[in-house]
PDB file of N, CA and C in Angstrom:
ATOM      1  N   GLY A   1      86.005 237.451  42.023  1.00  0.00           N
ATOM      2  CA  GLY A   1      84.442 237.265  42.460  1.00  0.00           C
ATOM      3  C   GLY A   1      84.716 235.882  43.190  1.00  0.00           C
ATOM      4  N   LEU A   2      83.911 235.881  43.989  1.00  0.00           N
ATOM      5  CA  LEU A   2      83.548 233.698  44.671  1.00  0.00           C
ATOM      6  C   LEU A   2      82.063 233.951  43.913  1.00  0.00           C
ATOM      7  N   ALA A   3      81.714 232.481  43.651  1.00  0.00           N
ATOM      8  CA  ALA A   3      80.537 232.443  42.914  1.00  0.00           C
ATOM      9  C   ALA A   3      79.196 232.037  44.245  1.00  0.00           C
ATOM     10  N   ALA A   4      77.940 232.473  44.229  1.00  0.00           N
ATOM     11  CA  ALA A   4      77.533 232.011  45.489  1.00  0.00           C
ATOM     12  C   ALA A   4      76.566 231.346  45.096  1.00  0.00           C
ATOM     13  N   ASP A   5      77.552 229.543  45.362  1.00  0.00           N
ATOM     14  CA  ASP A   5      76.502 228.636  44.899  1.00  0.00           C
ATOM     15  C   ASP A   5      76.625 227.808  46.153  1.00  0.00           C
ATOM     16  N   VAL A   6      75.201 226.484  46.419  1.00  0.00           N
ATOM     17  CA  VAL A   6      75.452 225.702  47.386  1.00  0.00           C
ATOM     18  C   VAL A   6      75.604 225.620  48.966  1.00  0.00           C
ATOM     19  N   GLY A   7      75.011 227.943  48.790  1.00  0.00           N
ATOM     20  CA  GLY A   7      75.166 228.421  50.441  1.00  0.00           C
ATOM     21  C   GLY A   7      76.857 229.033  50.401  1.00  0.00           C
ATOM     22  N   GLY A   8      77.495 228.848  50.128  1.00  0.00           N
ATOM     23  CA  GLY A   8      79.353 229.416  49.901  1.00  0.00           C
ATOM     24  C   GLY A   8      78.987 230.724  51.229  1.00  0.00           C
ATOM     25  N   LEU A   9      77.772 231.445  49.732  1.00  0.00           N
ATOM     26  CA  LEU A   9      77.998 233.045  50.355  1.00  0.00           C
ATOM     27  C   LEU A   9      77.338 233.246  51.161  1.00  0.00           C
ATOM     28  N   GLN A  10      76.772 232.751  51.383  1.00  0.00           N
ATOM     29  CA  GLN A  10      76.025 232.871  52.287  1.00  0.00           C
ATOM     30  C   GLN A  10      76.309 232.581  53.976  1.00  0.00           C
ATOM     31  N   ARG A  11      77.045 231.206  53.969  1.00  0.00           N
ATOM     32  CA  ARG A  11      78.231 230.533  55.610  1.00  0.00           C
ATOM     33  C   ARG A  11      78.787 231.718  55.598  1.00  0.00           C
ATOM     34  N   PHE A  12      79.283 232.096  54.981  1.00  0.00           N
ATOM     35  CA  PHE A  12      80.550 232.180  54.118  1.00  0.00           C
ATOM     36  C   PHE A  12      80.882 233.881  56.145  1.00  0.00           C
ATOM     37  N   PRO A  13      80.066 235.085  55.725  1.00  0.00           N
ATOM     38  CA  PRO A  13      80.199 235.880  56.516  1.00  0.00           C
ATOM     39  C   PRO A  13      79.515 235.396  58.478  1.00  0.00           C
ATOM     40  N   LYS A  14      79.310 234.747  58.408  1.00  0.00           N
ATOM     41  CA  LYS A  14      78.328 233.615  59.331  1.00  0.00           C
ATOM     42  C   LYS A  14      79.750 232.674  60.021  1.00  0.00           C
ATOM     43  N   LEU A  15      80.558 232.245  59.312  1.00  0.00           N
ATOM     44  CA  LEU A  15      81.967 231.960  59.673  1.00  0.00           C
ATOM     45  C   LEU A  15      83.122 232.012  60.055  1.00  0.00           C
ATOM     46  N   VAL A  16      83.903 234.183  59.160  1.00  0.00           N
ATOM     47  CA  VAL A  16      84.527 234.897  58.945  1.00  0.00           C
ATOM     48  C   VAL A  16      84.641 235.755  60.276  1.00  0.00           C
ATOM     49  N   GLY A  17      82.834 236.506  60.358  1.00  0.00           N
ATOM     50  CA  GLY A  17      82.544 237.462  61.791  1.00  0.00           C
ATOM     51  C   GLY A  17      83.027 238.775  61.450  1.00  0.00           C
ATOM     52  N   ASN A  18      83.750 238.040  60.448  1.00  0.00           N
ATOM     53  CA  ASN A  18      84.106 239.889  59.400  1.00  0.00           C
ATOM     54  C   ASN A  18      83.754 240.373  58.457  1.00  0.00           C
ATOM     55  N   GLN A  19      82.837 241.480  58.947  1.00  0.00           N
ATOM     56  CA  GLN A  19      82.481 241.843  56.627  1.00  0.00           C
ATOM     57  C   GLN A  19      83.484 242.266  55.720  1.00  0.00           C
ATOM     58  N   SER A  20      84.310 243.149  56.226  1.00  0.00           N
ATOM     59  CA  SER A  20      85.245 243.583  55.864  1.00  0.00           C
ATOM     60  C   SER A  20      86.136 242.304  54.227  1.00  0.00           C
ATOM     61  N   LEU A  21      86.595 241.644  55.862  1.00  0.00           N
ATOM     62  CA  LEU A  21      87.900 240.413  54.967  1.00  0.00           C
ATOM     63  C   LEU A  21      86.822 239.509  53.341  1.00  0.00           C
ATOM     64  N   VAL A  22      85.053 240.064  54.642  1.00  0.00           N
ATOM     65  CA  VAL A  22      84.246 239.122  53.711  1.00  0.00           C
ATOM     66  C   VAL A  22      84.609 239.292  52.931  1.00  0.00           C
ATOM     67  N   ARG A  23      83.924 240.833  51.991  1.00  0.00           N
ATOM     68  CA  ARG A  23      84.155 241.314  51.035  1.00  0.00           C
ATOM     69  C   ARG A  23      85.272 241.487  50.038  1.00  0.00           C
ATOM     70  N   GLU A  24      86.220 242.418  51.491  1.00  0.00           N
ATOM     71  CA  GLU A  24      87.366 241.711  50.179  1.00  0.00           C
ATOM     72  C   GLU A  24      87.861 240.197  49.174  1.00  0.00           C
ATOM     73  N   LEU A  25      87.371 239.484  50.015  1.00  0.00           N
ATOM     74  CA  LEU A  25      86.903 237.783  49.279  1.00  0.00           C
ATOM     75  C   LEU A  25      86.646 237.464  48.817  1.00  0.00           C
ATOM     76  N   VAL A  26      85.509 238.109  48.350  1.00  0.00           N
ATOM     77  CA  VAL A  26      84.375 238.138  47.917  1.00  0.00           C
ATOM     78  C   VAL A  26      84.459 238.527  46.572  1.00  0.00           C
ATOM     79  N   PHE A  27      84.735 239.782  46.766  1.00  0.00           N
ATOM     80  CA  PHE A  27      85.458 240.619  45.138  1.00  0.00           C
ATOM     81  C   PHE A  27      86.161 240.529  44.875  1.00  0.00           C
ATOM     82  N   SER A  28      87.187 240.195  45.582  1.00  0.00           N
ATOM     83  CA  SER A  28      88.439 240.351  45.314  1.00  0.00           C
ATOM     84  C   SER A  28      88.981 239.112  44.048  1.00  0.00           C
ATOM     85  N   GLY A  29      88.273 237.665  44.559  1.00  0.00           N
ATOM     86  CA  GLY A  29      88.202 236.183  44.351  1.00  0.00           C
ATOM     87  C   GLY A  29      90.194 235.964  45.817  1.00  0.00           C
ATOM     88  N   ARG A  30      90.386 237.028  45.786  1.00  0.00           N
ATOM     89  CA  ARG A  30      92.125 237.097  46.331  1.00  0.00           C
ATOM     90  C   ARG A  30      92.323 235.881  46.938  1.00  0.00           C
ATOM     91  N   ASN A  31      93.090 234.389  46.929  1.00  0.00           N
ATOM     92  CA  ASN A  31      93.664 233.774  47.249  1.00  0.00           C
ATOM     93  C   ASN A  31      94.480 234.107  48.877  1.00  0.00           C
ATOM     94  N   PHE A  32      94.211 233.024  49.908  1.00  0.00           N
ATOM     95  CA  PHE A  32      94.687 233.323  50.796  1.00  0.00           C
ATOM     96  C   PHE A  32      95.084 231.670  51.231  1.00  0.00           C
ATOM     97  N   GLY A  33      96.256 231.955  52.073  1.00  0.00           N
ATOM     98  CA  GLY A  33      97.097 230.869  52.772  1.00  0.00           C
ATOM     99  C   GLY A  33      96.517 230.956  54.456  1.00  0.00           C
ATOM    100  N   ALA A  34      96.689 229.862  53.929  1.00  0.00           N
ATOM    101  CA  ALA A  34      96.333 228.378  56.027  1.00  0.00           C
ATOM    102  C   ALA A  34      96.724 229.691  57.119  1.00  0.00           C
ATOM    103  N   VAL A  35      97.982 230.146  56.661  1.00  0.00           N
ATOM    104  CA  VAL A  35      98.369 231.416  58.324  1.00  0.00           C
ATOM    105  C   VAL A  35      97.235 232.249  58.546  1.00  0.00           C
ATOM    106  N   GLU A  36      97.348 233.076  57.124  1.00  0.00           N
ATOM    107  CA  GLU A  36      95.872 233.931  57.488  1.00  0.00           C
ATOM    108  C   GLU A  36      94.275 234.045  57.887  1.00  0.00           C
ATOM    109  N   ALA A  37      94.220 232.367  57.056  1.00  0.00           N
ATOM    110  CA  ALA A  37      93.050 232.119  57.765  1.00  0.00           C
ATOM    111  C   ALA A  37      92.450 231.286  59.125  1.00  0.00           C
ATOM    112  N   LEU A  38      94.015 231.193  59.415  1.00  0.00           N
ATOM    113  CA  LEU A  38      93.207 230.715  60.763  1.00  0.00           C
ATOM    114  C   LEU A  38      92.850 231.277  61.846  1.00  0.00           C
ATOM    115  N   PRO A  39      93.397 232.995  61.711  1.00  0.00           N
ATOM    116  CA  PRO A  39      92.906 234.071  63.389  1.00  0.00           C
ATOM    117  C   PRO A  39      91.268 233.435  62.941  1.00  0.00           C
ATOM    118  N   PHE A  40      91.258 233.199  62.228  1.00  0.00           N
ATOM    119  CA  PHE A  40      89.254 233.602  61.302  1.00  0.00           C
ATOM    120  C   PHE A  40      88.389 231.800  61.893  1.00  0.00           C
ATOM    121  N   GLY A  41      89.193 231.531  62.652  1.00  0.00           N
ATOM    122  CA  GLY A  41      88.754 229.709  61.879  1.00  0.00           C
ATOM    123  C   GLY A  41      88.350 229.128  61.059  1.00  0.00           C
ATOM    124  N   LEU A  42      88.981 229.603  60.404  1.00  0.00           N
ATOM    125  CA  LEU A  42      88.865 228.579  58.041  1.00  0.00           C
ATOM    126  C   LEU A  42      89.657 227.559  58.755  1.00  0.00           C
ATOM    127  N   VAL A  43      90.323 227.480  59.087  1.00  0.00           N
ATOM    128  CA  VAL A  43      90.981 225.922  59.884  1.00  0.00           C
ATOM    129  C   VAL A  43      91.445 225.486  60.639  1.00  0.00           C
ATOM    130  N   SER A  44      90.958 224.388  61.745  1.00  0.00           N
ATOM    131  CA  SER A  44      91.664 225.065  62.737  1.00  0.00           C
ATOM    132  C   SER A  44      93.664 224.724  63.161  1.00  0.00           C
ATOM    133  N   ARG A  45      94.024 224.681  62.954  1.00  0.00           N
ATOM    134  CA  ARG A  45      95.384 224.127  63.291  1.00  0.00           C
ATOM    135  C   ARG A  45      96.613 224.482  61.363  1.00  0.00           C
ATOM    136  N   VAL A  46      97.434 225.466  62.178  1.00  0.00           N
ATOM    137  CA  VAL A  46      98.894 225.354  60.327  1.00  0.00           C
ATOM    138  C   VAL A  46      99.684 224.084  60.599  1.00  0.00           C
ATOM    139  N   CYS A  47      99.963 223.369  60.344  1.00  0.00           N
ATOM    140  CA  CYS A  47     101.176 222.727  60.495  1.00  0.00           C
ATOM    141  C   CYS A  47     102.713 223.115  59.860  1.00  0.00           C
ATOM    142  N   PRO A  48     104.060 223.434  60.540  1.00  0.00           N
ATOM    143  CA  PRO A  48     105.455 224.118  59.946  1.00  0.00           C
ATOM    144  C   PRO A  48     105.975 222.912  58.793  1.00  0.00           C
ATOM    145  N   SER A  49     104.895 222.092  58.284  1.00  0.00           N
ATOM    146  CA  SER A  49     105.474 220.842  56.624  1.00  0.00           C
ATOM    147  C   SER A  49     104.594 219.948  56.522  1.00  0.00           C
ATOM    148  N   ARG A  50     104.253 219.548  55.245  1.00  0.00           N
ATOM    149  CA  ARG A  50     103.693 218.674  54.532  1.00  0.00           C
ATOM    150  C   ARG A  50     103.567 217.559  55.882  1.00  0.00           C
ATOM    151  N   GLU A  51     104.812 217.227  56.225  1.00  0.00           N
ATOM    152  CA  GLU A  51     104.882 215.801  57.131  1.00  0.00           C
ATOM    153  C   GLU A  51     103.745 215.802  58.296  1.00  0.00           C
ATOM    154  N   ASP A  52     104.240 216.786  58.990  1.00  0.00           N
ATOM    155  CA  ASP A  52     103.577 217.311  59.711  1.00  0.00           C
ATOM    156  C   ASP A  52     102.082 217.454  60.331  1.00  0.00           C
ATOM    157  N   MET A  53     101.524 218.220  58.880  1.00  0.00           N
ATOM    158  CA  MET A  53     100.363 217.931  58.345  1.00  0.00           C
ATOM    159  C   MET A  53      99.563 216.737  58.190  1.00  0.00           C
ATOM    160  N   LEU A  54     100.278 215.541  57.512  1.00  0.00           N
ATOM    161  CA  LEU A  54     100.239 214.032  57.320  1.00  0.00           C
ATOM    162  C   LEU A  54      99.500 213.532  58.282  1.00  0.00           C
ATOM    163  N   LYS A  55     101.105 213.858  59.875  1.00  0.00           N
ATOM    164  CA  LYS A  55     101.234 213.627  60.742  1.00  0.00           C
ATOM    165  C   LYS A  55      99.594 213.617  61.299  1.00  0.00           C
ATOM    166  N   ASP A  56      99.606 215.344  61.633  1.00  0.00           N
ATOM    167  CA  ASP A  56      98.821 215.233  62.806  1.00  0.00           C
ATOM    168  C   ASP A  56      97.344 214.911  61.818  1.00  0.00           C
ATOM    169  N   ALA A  57      96.806 214.796  60.878  1.00  0.00           N
ATOM    170  CA  ALA A  57      95.852 214.981  59.668  1.00  0.00           C
ATOM    171  C   ALA A  57      95.305 213.023  60.155  1.00  0.00           C
ATOM    172  N   LEU A  58      96.448 211.718  59.977  1.00  0.00           N
ATOM    173  CA  LEU A  58      96.009 210.912  59.933  1.00  0.00           C
ATOM    174  C   LEU A  58      96.085 209.847  61.890  1.00  0.00           C
ATOM    175  N   GLU A  59      96.677 211.020  62.509  1.00  0.00           N
ATOM    176  CA  GLU A  59      96.244 211.069  63.824  1.00  0.00           C
ATOM    177  C   GLU A  59      94.728 211.057  64.273  1.00  0.00           C
ATOM    178  N   LEU A  60      94.359 212.619  64.490  1.00  0.00           N
ATOM    179  CA  LEU A  60      92.982 212.710  64.006  1.00  0.00           C
ATOM    180  C   LEU A  60      91.849 212.452  63.571  1.00  0.00           C
ATOM    181  N   ALA A  61      92.068 211.448  62.349  1.00  0.00           N
ATOM    182  CA  ALA A  61      91.478 211.007  61.580  1.00  0.00           C
ATOM    183  C   ALA A  61      91.109 209.774  62.421  1.00  0.00           C
ATOM    184  N   ARG A  62      92.154 208.608  63.390  1.00  0.00           N
ATOM    185  CA  ARG A  62      92.336 207.562  64.043  1.00  0.00           C
ATOM    186  C   ARG A  62      91.704 207.995  65.235  1.00  0.00           C
ATOM    187  N   ALA A  63      91.791 208.762  65.578  1.00  0.00           N
ATOM    188  CA  ALA A  63      90.352 209.468  66.998  1.00  0.00           C
ATOM    189  C   ALA A  63      89.747 209.539  67.297  1.00  0.00           C
ATOM    190  N   ILE A  64      88.928 209.873  65.453  1.00  0.00           N
ATOM    191  CA  ILE A  64      87.905 209.900  65.265  1.00  0.00           C
ATOM    192  C   ILE A  64      86.966 208.652  64.931  1.00  0.00           C
ATOM    193  N   ALA A  65      88.186 208.080  63.959  1.00  0.00           N
ATOM    194  CA  ALA A  65      86.795 206.352  63.967  1.00  0.00           C
ATOM    195  C   ALA A  65      87.504 205.546  65.714  1.00  0.00           C
ATOM    196  N   ALA A  66      87.964 205.800  65.943  1.00  0.00           N
ATOM    197  CA  ALA A  66      88.324 204.771  66.927  1.00  0.00           C
ATOM    198  C   ALA A  66      86.268 205.086  67.983  1.00  0.00           C
ATOM    199  N   LYS A  67      85.607 206.492  67.476  1.00  0.00           N
ATOM    200  CA  LYS A  67      84.914 206.755  67.957  1.00  0.00           C
ATOM    201  C   LYS A  67      83.710 205.483  67.577  1.00  0.00           C
ATOM    202  N   SER A  68      81.962 205.490  68.307  1.00  0.00           N
ATOM    203  CA  SER A  68      81.367 204.976  68.118  1.00  0.00           C
ATOM    204  C   SER A  68      81.168 206.055  66.497  1.00  0.00           C
ATOM    205  N   PRO A  69      81.067 204.899  65.602  1.00  0.00           N
ATOM    206  CA  PRO A  69      79.819 205.530  63.845  1.00  0.00           C
ATOM    207  C   PRO A  69      79.390 206.049  64.008  1.00  0.00           C
ATOM    208  N   VAL A  70      77.952 205.841  65.135  1.00  0.00           N
ATOM    209  CA  VAL A  70      77.025 206.353  65.286  1.00  0.00           C
ATOM    210  C   VAL A  70      76.430 207.221  65.888  1.00  0.00           C
ATOM    211  N   ALA A  71      77.754 208.116  67.008  1.00  0.00           N
ATOM    212  CA  ALA A  71      78.012 208.705  67.428  1.00  0.00           C
ATOM    213  C   ALA A  71      78.202 210.408  67.176  1.00  0.00           C
ATOM    214  N   VAL A  72      79.484 209.908  66.073  1.00  0.00           N
ATOM    215  CA  VAL A  72      79.818 210.490  65.468  1.00  0.00           C
ATOM    216  C   VAL A  72      78.999 211.020  64.192  1.00  0.00           C
ATOM    217  N   LEU A  73      78.093 210.040  63.667  1.00  0.00           N
ATOM    218  CA  LEU A  73      77.225 210.402  62.604  1.00  0.00           C
ATOM    219  C   LEU A  73      76.315 211.920  63.244  1.00  0.00           C
ATOM    220  N   GLY A  74      75.542 211.013  64.126  1.00  0.00           N
ATOM    221  CA  GLY A  74      74.765 211.728  64.968  1.00  0.00           C
ATOM    222  C   GLY A  74      75.161 213.493  65.246  1.00  0.00           C
ATOM    223  N   ALA A  75      76.737 213.252  66.700  1.00  0.00           N
ATOM    224  CA  ALA A  75      77.474 214.950  66.416  1.00  0.00           C
ATOM    225  C   ALA A  75      77.129 215.397  65.056  1.00  0.00           C
ATOM    226  N   LYS A  76      78.195 214.542  63.553  1.00  0.00           N
ATOM    227  CA  LYS A  76      77.976 215.857  62.334  1.00  0.00           C
ATOM    228  C   LYS A  76      76.895 216.100  61.833  1.00  0.00           C
ATOM    229  N   THR A  77      75.354 214.924  62.226  1.00  0.00           N
ATOM    230  CA  THR A  77      74.353 216.194  61.865  1.00  0.00           C
ATOM    231  C   THR A  77      73.811 217.143  62.378  1.00  0.00           C
ATOM    232  N   LEU A  78      73.767 216.743  63.982  1.00  0.00           N
ATOM    233  CA  LEU A  78      73.614 218.197  64.361  1.00  0.00           C
ATOM    234  C   LEU A  78      74.572 218.900  63.898  1.00  0.00           C
ATOM    235  N   LEU A  79      75.850 218.510  63.913  1.00  0.00           N
ATOM    236  CA  LEU A  79      76.114 220.694  63.717  1.00  0.00           C
ATOM    237  C   LEU A  79      75.848 220.783  62.522  1.00  0.00           C
ATOM    238  N   ASN A  80      75.841 220.416  61.426  1.00  0.00           N
ATOM    239  CA  ASN A  80      75.341 220.138  59.604  1.00  0.00           C
ATOM    240  C   ASN A  80      74.009 221.043  60.091  1.00  0.00           C
ATOM    241  N   TYR A  81      72.563 220.909  61.416  1.00  0.00           N
ATOM    242  CA  TYR A  81      71.799 221.476  60.838  1.00  0.00           C
ATOM    243  C   TYR A  81      71.953 222.355  61.808  1.00  0.00           C
ATOM    244  N   SER A  82      72.918 223.106  63.405  1.00  0.00           N
ATOM    245  CA  SER A  82      72.640 223.734  63.591  1.00  0.00           C
ATOM    246  C   SER A  82      73.575 225.263  63.502  1.00  0.00           C
ATOM    247  N   ARG A  83      74.456 224.499  62.225  1.00  0.00           N
ATOM    248  CA  ARG A  83      74.890 225.814  61.295  1.00  0.00           C
ATOM    249  C   ARG A  83      74.218 227.087  60.340  1.00  0.00           C
ATOM    250  N   ASP A  84      72.608 226.230  60.158  1.00  0.00           N
ATOM    251  CA  ASP A  84      71.751 227.246  59.186  1.00  0.00           C
ATOM    252  C   ASP A  84      70.682 226.966  59.972  1.00  0.00           C
ATOM    253  N   HIS A  85      70.479 226.799  61.147  1.00  0.00           N
ATOM    254  CA  HIS A  85      68.813 226.606  62.002  1.00  0.00           C
ATOM    255  C   HIS A  85      69.522 227.265  63.153  1.00  0.00           C
ATOM    256  N   THR A  86      68.718 228.379  63.840  1.00  0.00           N
ATOM    257  CA  THR A  86      68.662 228.517  65.095  1.00  0.00           C
ATOM    258  C   THR A  86      68.350 227.645  66.087  1.00  0.00           C
ATOM    259  N   VAL A  87      68.239 227.743  67.294  1.00  0.00           N
ATOM    260  CA  VAL A  87      67.824 226.469  68.542  1.00  0.00           C
ATOM    261  C   VAL A  87      66.957 226.828  68.543  1.00  0.00           C
ATOM    262  N   ASP A  88      66.119 227.885  68.132  1.00  0.00           N
ATOM    263  CA  ASP A  88      63.846 227.735  68.252  1.00  0.00           C
ATOM    264  C   ASP A  88      63.998 226.659  67.322  1.00  0.00           C
ATOM    265  N   GLU A  89      64.211 226.974  66.365  1.00  0.00           N
ATOM    266  CA  GLU A  89      63.902 225.448  64.840  1.00  0.00           C
ATOM    267  C   GLU A  89      64.045 224.331  65.572  1.00  0.00           C
TER     268      GLU A  89
END
């Protein structure tokens, strides 16, 4: 099964949005790959090769690094907060 530490078990159903799959994965501890994770939004893309993955990751890292660090930090903080709170909070 999946350990209920640091809020992962509480966040997982919200991320996946599919109680059947959440329960299957949590209770069984079954591993799954990127192709299966993609439709549930657990990964943003699947690359055909390790080389393509590294190229895409570096391109994304460069694009983020080119932005204002203050803006990126602010966006990250807001996204992390909004993940666990309602709009009213």
